[in-house]
N, C-alpha and C. Protein backbone atom coordinates (compact mmCIF):
# COMPACT_ATOMS: atom_id res chain seq x y z
N GLN A 1 -9.62 -1.03 22.98
CA GLN A 1 -8.47 -1.63 23.60
C GLN A 1 -7.35 -0.62 23.78
N GLN A 2 -7.17 0.23 22.78
CA GLN A 2 -6.10 1.21 22.86
C GLN A 2 -6.30 2.15 24.04
N SER A 3 -7.52 2.62 24.24
CA SER A 3 -7.76 3.54 25.35
C SER A 3 -7.56 2.85 26.70
N ASP A 4 -7.92 1.57 26.78
CA ASP A 4 -7.70 0.82 28.03
C ASP A 4 -6.22 0.74 28.35
N ILE A 5 -5.41 0.49 27.34
CA ILE A 5 -3.97 0.39 27.56
C ILE A 5 -3.38 1.75 27.93
N MET A 6 -3.83 2.80 27.26
CA MET A 6 -3.32 4.14 27.57
C MET A 6 -3.67 4.56 28.99
N GLN A 7 -4.82 4.11 29.49
CA GLN A 7 -5.23 4.45 30.85
C GLN A 7 -4.34 3.81 31.91
N LEU A 8 -3.57 2.81 31.53
CA LEU A 8 -2.64 2.19 32.48
C LEU A 8 -1.51 3.14 32.86
N GLY A 9 -1.26 4.12 32.01
CA GLY A 9 -0.26 5.14 32.31
C GLY A 9 1.18 4.66 32.29
N ILE A 10 1.47 3.68 31.46
CA ILE A 10 2.84 3.16 31.38
C ILE A 10 3.69 4.16 30.59
N PRO A 11 4.75 4.71 31.21
CA PRO A 11 5.59 5.70 30.52
C PRO A 11 6.27 5.10 29.28
N GLY A 12 6.33 5.90 28.21
CA GLY A 12 7.01 5.48 27.00
C GLY A 12 6.22 4.53 26.12
N PHE A 13 4.99 4.23 26.48
CA PHE A 13 4.17 3.30 25.71
C PHE A 13 3.19 4.10 24.87
N GLY A 14 3.11 3.81 23.59
CA GLY A 14 2.19 4.54 22.73
C GLY A 14 1.81 3.74 21.50
N PHE A 15 1.01 4.35 20.65
CA PHE A 15 0.54 3.73 19.42
C PHE A 15 0.83 4.65 18.25
N ARG A 16 1.00 4.07 17.09
CA ARG A 16 1.13 4.88 15.88
C ARG A 16 0.26 4.26 14.79
N THR A 17 -0.30 5.10 13.97
CA THR A 17 -1.17 4.66 12.88
C THR A 17 -0.31 4.37 11.65
N GLU A 18 -0.56 3.23 11.02
CA GLU A 18 0.16 2.87 9.80
C GLU A 18 -0.84 2.45 8.74
N LYS A 19 -0.52 2.75 7.49
CA LYS A 19 -1.35 2.30 6.38
C LYS A 19 -0.99 0.86 6.06
N ARG A 20 -1.99 0.07 5.74
CA ARG A 20 -1.79 -1.34 5.40
C ARG A 20 -2.48 -1.65 4.09
N ARG A 21 -1.90 -2.54 3.31
CA ARG A 21 -2.52 -2.99 2.07
C ARG A 21 -3.55 -4.07 2.40
N PHE A 22 -4.61 -4.10 1.59
CA PHE A 22 -5.63 -5.13 1.73
C PHE A 22 -5.76 -5.84 0.40
N TYR A 23 -5.57 -7.15 0.41
CA TYR A 23 -5.69 -7.96 -0.80
C TYR A 23 -6.95 -8.80 -0.68
N PRO A 24 -8.04 -8.42 -1.37
CA PRO A 24 -9.33 -9.12 -1.22
C PRO A 24 -9.26 -10.62 -1.45
N SER A 25 -8.42 -11.06 -2.35
CA SER A 25 -8.34 -12.50 -2.62
C SER A 25 -7.09 -13.11 -2.01
N GLY A 26 -6.51 -12.42 -1.08
CA GLY A 26 -5.36 -12.95 -0.36
C GLY A 26 -4.17 -13.23 -1.26
N GLU A 27 -3.57 -14.38 -1.06
CA GLU A 27 -2.34 -14.76 -1.75
C GLU A 27 -2.52 -14.81 -3.27
N THR A 28 -3.70 -15.22 -3.72
CA THR A 28 -3.94 -15.34 -5.17
C THR A 28 -3.72 -14.02 -5.88
N SER A 29 -4.30 -12.95 -5.38
CA SER A 29 -4.16 -11.66 -6.06
C SER A 29 -2.79 -11.03 -5.82
N SER A 30 -2.09 -11.43 -4.77
CA SER A 30 -0.79 -10.84 -4.49
C SER A 30 0.24 -11.16 -5.56
N TYR A 31 0.03 -12.25 -6.32
CA TYR A 31 0.95 -12.57 -7.41
C TYR A 31 0.91 -11.52 -8.51
N ILE A 32 -0.24 -10.90 -8.72
CA ILE A 32 -0.38 -9.86 -9.73
C ILE A 32 -0.18 -8.48 -9.12
N VAL A 33 -0.88 -8.23 -8.04
CA VAL A 33 -0.81 -6.92 -7.39
C VAL A 33 0.60 -6.67 -6.87
N GLY A 34 1.22 -7.70 -6.33
CA GLY A 34 2.58 -7.58 -5.82
C GLY A 34 2.61 -7.42 -4.31
N LEU A 35 3.79 -7.15 -3.82
CA LEU A 35 4.00 -7.04 -2.38
C LEU A 35 4.78 -5.78 -2.07
N THR A 36 4.67 -5.32 -0.82
CA THR A 36 5.46 -4.19 -0.35
C THR A 36 6.31 -4.64 0.83
N ASN A 37 7.39 -3.90 1.07
CA ASN A 37 8.23 -4.22 2.22
C ASN A 37 7.74 -3.46 3.45
N ILE A 38 8.47 -3.56 4.52
CA ILE A 38 8.04 -2.94 5.78
C ILE A 38 7.95 -1.42 5.67
N ASP A 39 8.68 -0.84 4.71
CA ASP A 39 8.65 0.60 4.50
C ASP A 39 7.60 1.02 3.48
N ASN A 40 6.71 0.09 3.12
CA ASN A 40 5.61 0.34 2.19
C ASN A 40 6.08 0.64 0.77
N GLN A 41 7.23 0.11 0.39
CA GLN A 41 7.75 0.27 -0.96
C GLN A 41 7.49 -1.01 -1.75
N GLY A 42 7.05 -0.87 -2.99
CA GLY A 42 6.76 -2.03 -3.82
C GLY A 42 8.00 -2.86 -4.10
N ILE A 43 7.89 -4.18 -3.88
CA ILE A 43 9.03 -5.06 -4.14
C ILE A 43 8.72 -6.09 -5.22
N SER A 44 7.45 -6.18 -5.66
CA SER A 44 7.10 -7.08 -6.76
C SER A 44 5.77 -6.65 -7.37
N GLY A 45 5.49 -7.17 -8.57
CA GLY A 45 4.21 -6.93 -9.23
C GLY A 45 3.91 -5.47 -9.52
N MET A 46 2.62 -5.15 -9.55
CA MET A 46 2.18 -3.77 -9.82
C MET A 46 2.66 -2.80 -8.75
N GLU A 47 2.78 -3.28 -7.52
CA GLU A 47 3.28 -2.42 -6.44
C GLU A 47 4.66 -1.86 -6.83
N LYS A 48 5.54 -2.72 -7.30
CA LYS A 48 6.88 -2.31 -7.68
C LYS A 48 6.85 -1.43 -8.93
N TYR A 49 6.03 -1.81 -9.92
CA TYR A 49 5.93 -1.04 -11.15
C TYR A 49 5.49 0.40 -10.87
N VAL A 50 4.45 0.55 -10.08
CA VAL A 50 3.94 1.90 -9.79
C VAL A 50 4.97 2.70 -9.02
N ASP A 51 5.64 2.07 -8.06
CA ASP A 51 6.65 2.79 -7.29
C ASP A 51 7.86 3.19 -8.14
N GLU A 52 8.27 2.32 -9.06
CA GLU A 52 9.48 2.59 -9.84
C GLU A 52 9.21 3.34 -11.14
N GLN A 53 8.35 2.80 -11.99
CA GLN A 53 8.17 3.35 -13.33
C GLN A 53 6.79 3.95 -13.57
N GLY A 54 5.79 3.41 -12.93
CA GLY A 54 4.42 3.82 -13.20
C GLY A 54 4.16 5.29 -12.96
N LEU A 55 4.67 5.83 -11.86
CA LEU A 55 4.47 7.24 -11.57
C LEU A 55 5.14 8.11 -12.62
N SER A 56 6.34 7.72 -13.04
CA SER A 56 7.04 8.47 -14.09
C SER A 56 6.25 8.47 -15.38
N ASP A 57 5.67 7.31 -15.73
CA ASP A 57 4.85 7.22 -16.94
C ASP A 57 3.64 8.13 -16.86
N LEU A 58 2.98 8.15 -15.70
CA LEU A 58 1.81 9.01 -15.53
C LEU A 58 2.18 10.48 -15.60
N GLN A 59 3.31 10.84 -14.99
CA GLN A 59 3.75 12.23 -15.03
C GLN A 59 4.12 12.64 -16.46
N ALA A 60 4.79 11.75 -17.19
CA ALA A 60 5.20 12.04 -18.57
C ALA A 60 4.00 12.26 -19.48
N SER A 61 2.91 11.55 -19.21
CA SER A 61 1.71 11.68 -20.04
C SER A 61 0.82 12.83 -19.58
N GLY A 62 1.21 13.50 -18.49
CA GLY A 62 0.43 14.63 -17.99
C GLY A 62 -0.74 14.24 -17.11
N LEU A 63 -0.84 12.96 -16.75
CA LEU A 63 -1.96 12.51 -15.92
C LEU A 63 -1.68 12.64 -14.43
N ALA A 64 -0.45 12.89 -14.06
CA ALA A 64 -0.11 13.05 -12.65
C ALA A 64 0.95 14.14 -12.52
N ILE A 65 0.76 14.99 -11.54
CA ILE A 65 1.77 16.03 -11.31
C ILE A 65 2.37 15.94 -9.91
N ALA A 66 1.65 15.34 -8.99
CA ALA A 66 2.15 15.23 -7.61
C ALA A 66 2.57 13.80 -7.32
N LYS A 67 3.45 13.65 -6.33
CA LYS A 67 3.86 12.30 -5.94
C LYS A 67 2.81 11.63 -5.07
N ASP A 68 1.95 12.41 -4.43
CA ASP A 68 0.95 11.87 -3.53
C ASP A 68 -0.35 11.64 -4.30
N LEU A 69 -0.50 10.45 -4.88
CA LEU A 69 -1.64 10.16 -5.73
C LEU A 69 -2.70 9.35 -5.02
N LYS A 70 -3.89 9.32 -5.61
CA LYS A 70 -4.95 8.46 -5.09
C LYS A 70 -4.58 7.00 -5.33
N PRO A 71 -5.21 6.08 -4.60
CA PRO A 71 -4.90 4.66 -4.79
C PRO A 71 -5.15 4.19 -6.22
N VAL A 72 -4.32 3.28 -6.67
CA VAL A 72 -4.48 2.68 -7.99
C VAL A 72 -5.53 1.59 -7.89
N LYS A 73 -6.47 1.57 -8.84
CA LYS A 73 -7.52 0.55 -8.84
C LYS A 73 -7.28 -0.39 -10.01
N LEU A 74 -7.31 -1.68 -9.73
CA LEU A 74 -7.14 -2.69 -10.77
C LEU A 74 -8.39 -3.55 -10.85
N SER A 75 -8.65 -4.07 -12.03
CA SER A 75 -9.73 -5.01 -12.22
C SER A 75 -9.11 -6.33 -12.64
N ILE A 76 -9.26 -7.36 -11.82
CA ILE A 76 -8.64 -8.65 -12.08
C ILE A 76 -9.72 -9.73 -12.08
N ASP A 77 -9.79 -10.48 -13.16
CA ASP A 77 -10.73 -11.60 -13.24
C ASP A 77 -10.01 -12.85 -12.74
N LEU A 78 -10.29 -13.26 -11.53
CA LEU A 78 -9.61 -14.40 -10.91
C LEU A 78 -10.02 -15.74 -11.50
N ARG A 79 -11.05 -15.72 -12.36
CA ARG A 79 -11.49 -16.97 -12.99
C ARG A 79 -10.61 -17.36 -14.17
N VAL A 80 -9.80 -16.42 -14.64
CA VAL A 80 -8.96 -16.67 -15.82
C VAL A 80 -7.69 -17.37 -15.41
């Protein structure tokens, strides 16, 4: 679809790639995982913790040295 639109040759029209979060269990897991705002900053849950304090904790323990880290993986039992 993108290439079809670009072939129309409309000046000033373009696309940009953005990263998006995926919540496998939808709204249910978002209560724990948290939410991000339009700027991809954590505003609740683990998203907020990692953005605000989690990275500092990892750096203090020597487990992280760069700000650009791999994705955080969580294991959540939704049956509980």
